[in-house]
Amino acid sequence: MAELVVCVVLAVVLSPLVFPRSVSVVEAARVGKPVIYWRPGCQFCLRLRFTLLGSAGGASWVNIWSDPAAAAAVRAVADGNETVPTVLVGSESRVNPAPRWVREQLEHR
């Protein structure tokens, strides 16, 4: 029974119905929303995703493993590292910011 509960929770959290699909850096720039750079398997990205369930669509999510330009953008602001989540809001970027800060940025846009 516990396995079923875990599977259902993961299905909801990772569902494209709840969590927006990943876009390219080019598409994110066109849309003009805050950008959240992430990668699969990152526990901090998953924590941020879970925290933003209701407002995750207010940002463009860019997977650095599927977009070399995104990985380069993260390295440019993270001292050469590919540390995620990295969040870009306007001209401000933050590496592994507090989920509360990200939520506030999305709610005030």
N, C-alpha and C. Protein backbone atom coordinates (compact mmCIF):
# COMPACT_ATOMS: atom_id res chain seq x y z
N MET A 1 0.82 -1.20 0.00
CA MET A 1 0.00 0.00 0.00
C MET A 1 0.86 1.26 0.00
N ALA A 2 1.95 1.23 0.77
CA ALA A 2 2.83 2.40 0.83
C ALA A 2 3.45 2.69 -0.54
N GLU A 3 3.77 1.62 -1.28
CA GLU A 3 4.34 1.81 -2.61
C GLU A 3 3.35 2.50 -3.54
N LEU A 4 2.10 2.15 -3.42
CA LEU A 4 1.06 2.77 -4.25
C LEU A 4 0.95 4.26 -3.94
N VAL A 5 0.97 4.61 -2.68
CA VAL A 5 0.87 6.02 -2.29
C VAL A 5 2.07 6.79 -2.84
N VAL A 6 3.26 6.23 -2.72
CA VAL A 6 4.46 6.89 -3.24
C VAL A 6 4.35 7.08 -4.75
N CYS A 7 3.90 6.06 -5.45
CA CYS A 7 3.74 6.15 -6.90
C CYS A 7 2.73 7.22 -7.30
N VAL A 8 1.63 7.30 -6.60
CA VAL A 8 0.60 8.30 -6.91
C VAL A 8 1.14 9.70 -6.66
N VAL A 9 1.83 9.90 -5.55
CA VAL A 9 2.40 11.21 -5.24
C VAL A 9 3.41 11.61 -6.31
N LEU A 10 4.29 10.71 -6.68
CA LEU A 10 5.27 11.01 -7.71
C LEU A 10 4.61 11.29 -9.06
N ALA A 11 3.58 10.55 -9.39
CA ALA A 11 2.86 10.78 -10.64
C ALA A 11 2.25 12.17 -10.68
N VAL A 12 1.70 12.61 -9.57
CA VAL A 12 1.10 13.95 -9.50
C VAL A 12 2.17 15.01 -9.59
N VAL A 13 3.24 14.87 -8.80
CA VAL A 13 4.30 15.89 -8.77
C VAL A 13 4.99 16.00 -10.12
N LEU A 14 5.20 14.90 -10.79
CA LEU A 14 5.93 14.91 -12.05
C LEU A 14 5.04 15.02 -13.28
N SER A 15 3.75 15.09 -13.08
CA SER A 15 2.81 15.14 -14.19
C SER A 15 2.94 16.44 -14.98
N PRO A 16 2.90 16.36 -16.31
CA PRO A 16 2.90 17.59 -17.10
C PRO A 16 1.62 18.40 -16.91
N LEU A 17 0.59 17.79 -16.35
CA LEU A 17 -0.63 18.54 -16.06
C LEU A 17 -0.42 19.47 -14.87
N VAL A 18 0.46 19.09 -13.95
CA VAL A 18 0.74 19.90 -12.77
C VAL A 18 1.99 20.73 -12.99
N PHE A 19 2.97 20.16 -13.61
CA PHE A 19 4.26 20.81 -13.80
C PHE A 19 4.45 21.14 -15.27
N PRO A 20 4.78 22.39 -15.59
CA PRO A 20 4.93 22.77 -16.99
C PRO A 20 6.05 22.02 -17.69
N ARG A 21 5.90 21.83 -18.98
CA ARG A 21 6.92 21.13 -19.76
C ARG A 21 8.16 22.01 -19.87
N SER A 22 9.28 21.36 -20.11
CA SER A 22 10.54 22.07 -20.27
C SER A 22 10.59 22.70 -21.65
N VAL A 23 11.18 23.89 -21.73
CA VAL A 23 11.32 24.60 -23.00
C VAL A 23 12.80 24.90 -23.23
N SER A 24 13.13 25.36 -24.41
CA SER A 24 14.51 25.73 -24.71
C SER A 24 14.79 27.14 -24.19
N VAL A 25 16.07 27.48 -24.12
CA VAL A 25 16.46 28.83 -23.71
C VAL A 25 15.87 29.87 -24.66
N VAL A 26 15.88 29.56 -25.95
CA VAL A 26 15.35 30.48 -26.95
C VAL A 26 13.87 30.73 -26.72
N GLU A 27 13.12 29.66 -26.50
CA GLU A 27 11.68 29.80 -26.25
C GLU A 27 11.42 30.55 -24.95
N ALA A 28 12.20 30.27 -23.92
CA ALA A 28 12.04 30.96 -22.63
C ALA A 28 12.27 32.46 -22.79
N ALA A 29 13.26 32.84 -23.59
CA ALA A 29 13.54 34.26 -23.81
C ALA A 29 12.38 34.94 -24.53
N ARG A 30 11.76 34.23 -25.47
CA ARG A 30 10.62 34.79 -26.21
C ARG A 30 9.43 35.02 -25.30
N VAL A 31 9.20 34.11 -24.38
CA VAL A 31 8.03 34.18 -23.51
C VAL A 31 8.16 35.32 -22.51
N GLY A 32 9.36 35.55 -22.00
CA GLY A 32 9.59 36.66 -21.09
C GLY A 32 9.25 36.41 -19.63
N LYS A 33 8.97 35.18 -19.26
CA LYS A 33 8.70 34.84 -17.86
C LYS A 33 10.03 34.62 -17.13
N PRO A 34 10.00 34.60 -15.79
CA PRO A 34 11.20 34.16 -15.07
C PRO A 34 11.60 32.76 -15.56
N VAL A 35 12.90 32.49 -15.54
CA VAL A 35 13.42 31.22 -16.04
C VAL A 35 13.98 30.41 -14.89
N ILE A 36 13.59 29.15 -14.82
CA ILE A 36 14.14 28.23 -13.83
C ILE A 36 14.89 27.15 -14.59
N TYR A 37 16.21 27.14 -14.41
CA TYR A 37 17.05 26.11 -15.01
C TYR A 37 17.08 24.93 -14.05
N TRP A 38 16.89 23.73 -14.58
CA TRP A 38 16.80 22.53 -13.75
C TRP A 38 17.40 21.36 -14.52
N ARG A 39 17.48 20.21 -13.85
CA ARG A 39 17.87 18.97 -14.51
C ARG A 39 17.19 17.81 -13.81
N PRO A 40 16.92 16.74 -14.55
CA PRO A 40 16.30 15.56 -13.94
C PRO A 40 17.21 14.96 -12.86
N GLY A 41 16.60 14.47 -11.80
CA GLY A 41 17.32 13.81 -10.72
C GLY A 41 17.84 14.75 -9.65
N CYS A 42 17.68 16.05 -9.84
CA CYS A 42 18.17 17.03 -8.85
C CYS A 42 17.16 17.14 -7.71
N GLN A 43 17.59 16.79 -6.51
CA GLN A 43 16.67 16.83 -5.36
C GLN A 43 16.24 18.26 -5.03
N PHE A 44 17.10 19.24 -5.25
CA PHE A 44 16.74 20.62 -4.97
C PHE A 44 15.73 21.14 -6.00
N CYS A 45 15.86 20.68 -7.23
CA CYS A 45 14.88 21.03 -8.27
C CYS A 45 13.52 20.42 -7.94
N LEU A 46 13.54 19.19 -7.47
CA LEU A 46 12.30 18.53 -7.10
C LEU A 46 11.63 19.24 -5.93
N ARG A 47 12.43 19.67 -4.97
CA ARG A 47 11.88 20.42 -3.83
C ARG A 47 11.25 21.71 -4.32
N LEU A 48 11.92 22.42 -5.22
CA LEU A 48 11.38 23.66 -5.76
C LEU A 48 10.10 23.39 -6.55
N ARG A 49 10.12 22.36 -7.35
CA ARG A 49 8.94 21.96 -8.13
C ARG A 49 7.74 21.72 -7.21
N PHE A 50 7.97 20.96 -6.16
CA PHE A 50 6.90 20.63 -5.22
C PHE A 50 6.38 21.89 -4.52
N THR A 51 7.27 22.79 -4.16
CA THR A 51 6.89 24.02 -3.48
C THR A 51 6.06 24.92 -4.38
N LEU A 52 6.32 24.88 -5.68
CA LEU A 52 5.65 25.78 -6.63
C LEU A 52 4.47 25.15 -7.34
N LEU A 53 3.94 24.07 -6.84
CA LEU A 53 2.86 23.36 -7.54
C LEU A 53 1.78 24.27 -8.10
N GLY A 54 1.34 25.24 -7.35
CA GLY A 54 0.26 26.10 -7.82
C GLY A 54 0.71 27.21 -8.75
N SER A 55 1.99 27.57 -8.71
CA SER A 55 2.44 28.72 -9.49
C SER A 55 3.61 28.40 -10.43
N ALA A 56 3.91 27.14 -10.62
CA ALA A 56 5.05 26.75 -11.47
C ALA A 56 4.88 27.23 -12.91
N GLY A 57 3.66 27.37 -13.36
CA GLY A 57 3.41 27.83 -14.73
C GLY A 57 3.77 29.28 -14.95
N GLY A 58 4.06 30.01 -13.87
CA GLY A 58 4.46 31.40 -14.00
C GLY A 58 5.91 31.56 -14.43
N ALA A 59 6.61 30.45 -14.61
CA ALA A 59 8.02 30.49 -15.02
C ALA A 59 8.22 29.58 -16.22
N SER A 60 9.29 29.84 -16.95
CA SER A 60 9.72 28.93 -18.01
C SER A 60 10.75 28.00 -17.40
N TRP A 61 10.56 26.70 -17.55
CA TRP A 61 11.46 25.69 -16.99
C TRP A 61 12.35 25.17 -18.10
N VAL A 62 13.67 25.25 -17.91
CA VAL A 62 14.63 24.87 -18.94
C VAL A 62 15.55 23.78 -18.39
N ASN A 63 15.54 22.63 -19.04
CA ASN A 63 16.36 21.49 -18.64
C ASN A 63 17.77 21.68 -19.20
N ILE A 64 18.77 21.83 -18.32
CA ILE A 64 20.13 22.08 -18.77
C ILE A 64 20.76 20.87 -19.43
N TRP A 65 20.23 19.70 -19.20
CA TRP A 65 20.78 18.50 -19.83
C TRP A 65 20.31 18.32 -21.26
N SER A 66 19.23 18.99 -21.63
CA SER A 66 18.74 18.85 -23.00
C SER A 66 18.99 20.10 -23.84
N ASP A 67 19.61 21.12 -23.25
CA ASP A 67 19.85 22.37 -23.96
C ASP A 67 21.23 22.89 -23.59
N PRO A 68 22.23 22.70 -24.46
CA PRO A 68 23.60 23.16 -24.16
C PRO A 68 23.69 24.67 -23.87
N ALA A 69 22.85 25.46 -24.51
CA ALA A 69 22.85 26.90 -24.24
C ALA A 69 22.39 27.20 -22.81
N ALA A 70 21.47 26.38 -22.31
CA ALA A 70 21.01 26.54 -20.94
C ALA A 70 22.12 26.20 -19.96
N ALA A 71 22.84 25.11 -20.23
CA ALA A 71 23.96 24.73 -19.37
C ALA A 71 25.01 25.84 -19.35
N ALA A 72 25.27 26.44 -20.49
CA ALA A 72 26.24 27.54 -20.57
C ALA A 72 25.75 28.75 -19.79
N ALA A 73 24.45 29.03 -19.86
CA ALA A 73 23.89 30.17 -19.12
C ALA A 73 24.04 29.96 -17.61
N VAL A 74 23.82 28.74 -17.16
CA VAL A 74 23.97 28.44 -15.73
C VAL A 74 25.43 28.56 -15.32
N ARG A 75 26.34 28.02 -16.12
CA ARG A 75 27.77 28.13 -15.80
C ARG A 75 28.21 29.59 -15.71
N ALA A 76 27.61 30.45 -16.53
CA ALA A 76 27.98 31.86 -16.55
C ALA A 76 27.65 32.58 -15.24
N VAL A 77 26.61 32.12 -14.55
CA VAL A 77 26.21 32.79 -13.30
C VAL A 77 26.55 31.98 -12.05
N ALA A 78 27.04 30.75 -12.24
CA ALA A 78 27.32 29.87 -11.10
C ALA A 78 28.81 29.52 -11.00
N ASP A 79 29.65 30.49 -11.28
CA ASP A 79 31.10 30.30 -11.15
C ASP A 79 31.62 29.10 -11.94
N GLY A 80 31.07 28.88 -13.12
CA GLY A 80 31.53 27.79 -13.97
C GLY A 80 30.91 26.44 -13.67
N ASN A 81 30.04 26.37 -12.68
CA ASN A 81 29.38 25.12 -12.30
C ASN A 81 27.99 25.04 -12.93
N GLU A 82 27.48 23.84 -13.03
CA GLU A 82 26.11 23.64 -13.52
C GLU A 82 25.19 23.37 -12.34
N THR A 83 25.17 24.29 -11.40
CA THR A 83 24.38 24.15 -10.19
C THR A 83 22.94 24.56 -10.47
N VAL A 84 22.03 23.67 -10.17
CA VAL A 84 20.61 23.94 -10.36
C VAL A 84 19.86 23.60 -9.06
N PRO A 85 18.71 24.20 -8.86
CA PRO A 85 18.07 25.15 -9.74
C PRO A 85 18.77 26.50 -9.72
N THR A 86 18.83 27.10 -10.88
CA THR A 86 19.28 28.48 -11.02
C THR A 86 18.10 29.24 -11.59
N VAL A 87 17.77 30.36 -10.97
CA VAL A 87 16.57 31.11 -11.35
C VAL A 87 16.98 32.48 -11.86
N LEU A 88 16.44 32.86 -12.99
CA LEU A 88 16.68 34.17 -13.59
C LEU A 88 15.37 34.94 -13.62
N VAL A 89 15.35 36.06 -12.91
CA VAL A 89 14.17 36.93 -12.88
C VAL A 89 14.63 38.30 -13.33
N GLY A 90 14.22 38.69 -14.52
CA GLY A 90 14.70 39.95 -15.08
C GLY A 90 16.21 39.86 -15.27
N SER A 91 16.95 40.78 -14.68
CA SER A 91 18.41 40.75 -14.78
C SER A 91 19.05 40.11 -13.55
N GLU A 92 18.26 39.66 -12.60
CA GLU A 92 18.77 39.05 -11.38
C GLU A 92 18.78 37.53 -11.51
N SER A 93 19.89 36.93 -11.10
CA SER A 93 19.96 35.47 -11.10
C SER A 93 20.35 34.99 -9.72
N ARG A 94 19.79 33.86 -9.34
CA ARG A 94 20.11 33.24 -8.05
C ARG A 94 20.32 31.75 -8.26
N VAL A 95 21.39 31.25 -7.64
CA VAL A 95 21.72 29.84 -7.72
C VAL A 95 21.17 29.16 -6.48
N ASN A 96 20.37 28.12 -6.69
CA ASN A 96 19.72 27.37 -5.62
C ASN A 96 19.04 28.29 -4.60
N PRO A 97 18.13 29.13 -5.08
CA PRO A 97 17.47 30.07 -4.17
C PRO A 97 16.46 29.36 -3.26
N ALA A 98 16.08 30.04 -2.22
CA ALA A 98 15.05 29.52 -1.34
C ALA A 98 13.73 29.43 -2.12
N PRO A 99 13.03 28.31 -2.02
CA PRO A 99 11.75 28.18 -2.74
C PRO A 99 10.78 29.31 -2.42
N ARG A 100 10.82 29.79 -1.20
CA ARG A 100 9.92 30.88 -0.81
C ARG A 100 10.20 32.13 -1.65
N TRP A 101 11.48 32.44 -1.89
CA TRP A 101 11.84 33.61 -2.70
C TRP A 101 11.31 33.44 -4.12
N VAL A 102 11.47 32.26 -4.68
CA VAL A 102 11.00 32.01 -6.04
C VAL A 102 9.49 32.17 -6.11
N ARG A 103 8.78 31.60 -5.16
CA ARG A 103 7.31 31.74 -5.13
C ARG A 103 6.91 33.21 -5.08
N GLU A 104 7.59 34.00 -4.24
CA GLU A 104 7.28 35.42 -4.14
C GLU A 104 7.50 36.15 -5.48
N GLN A 105 8.59 35.78 -6.18
CA GLN A 105 8.87 36.40 -7.47
C GLN A 105 7.78 36.06 -8.49
N LEU A 106 7.32 34.84 -8.47
CA LEU A 106 6.28 34.42 -9.42
C LEU A 106 4.93 35.06 -9.10
N GLU A 107 4.66 35.24 -7.82
CA GLU A 107 3.38 35.82 -7.43
C GLU A 107 3.32 37.31 -7.69
N HIS A 108 4.46 37.97 -7.74
CA HIS A 108 4.49 39.43 -7.92
C HIS A 108 4.67 39.84 -9.38
N ARG A 109 4.54 38.91 -10.29
CA ARG A 109 4.71 39.25 -11.72
C ARG A 109 3.37 39.31 -12.38
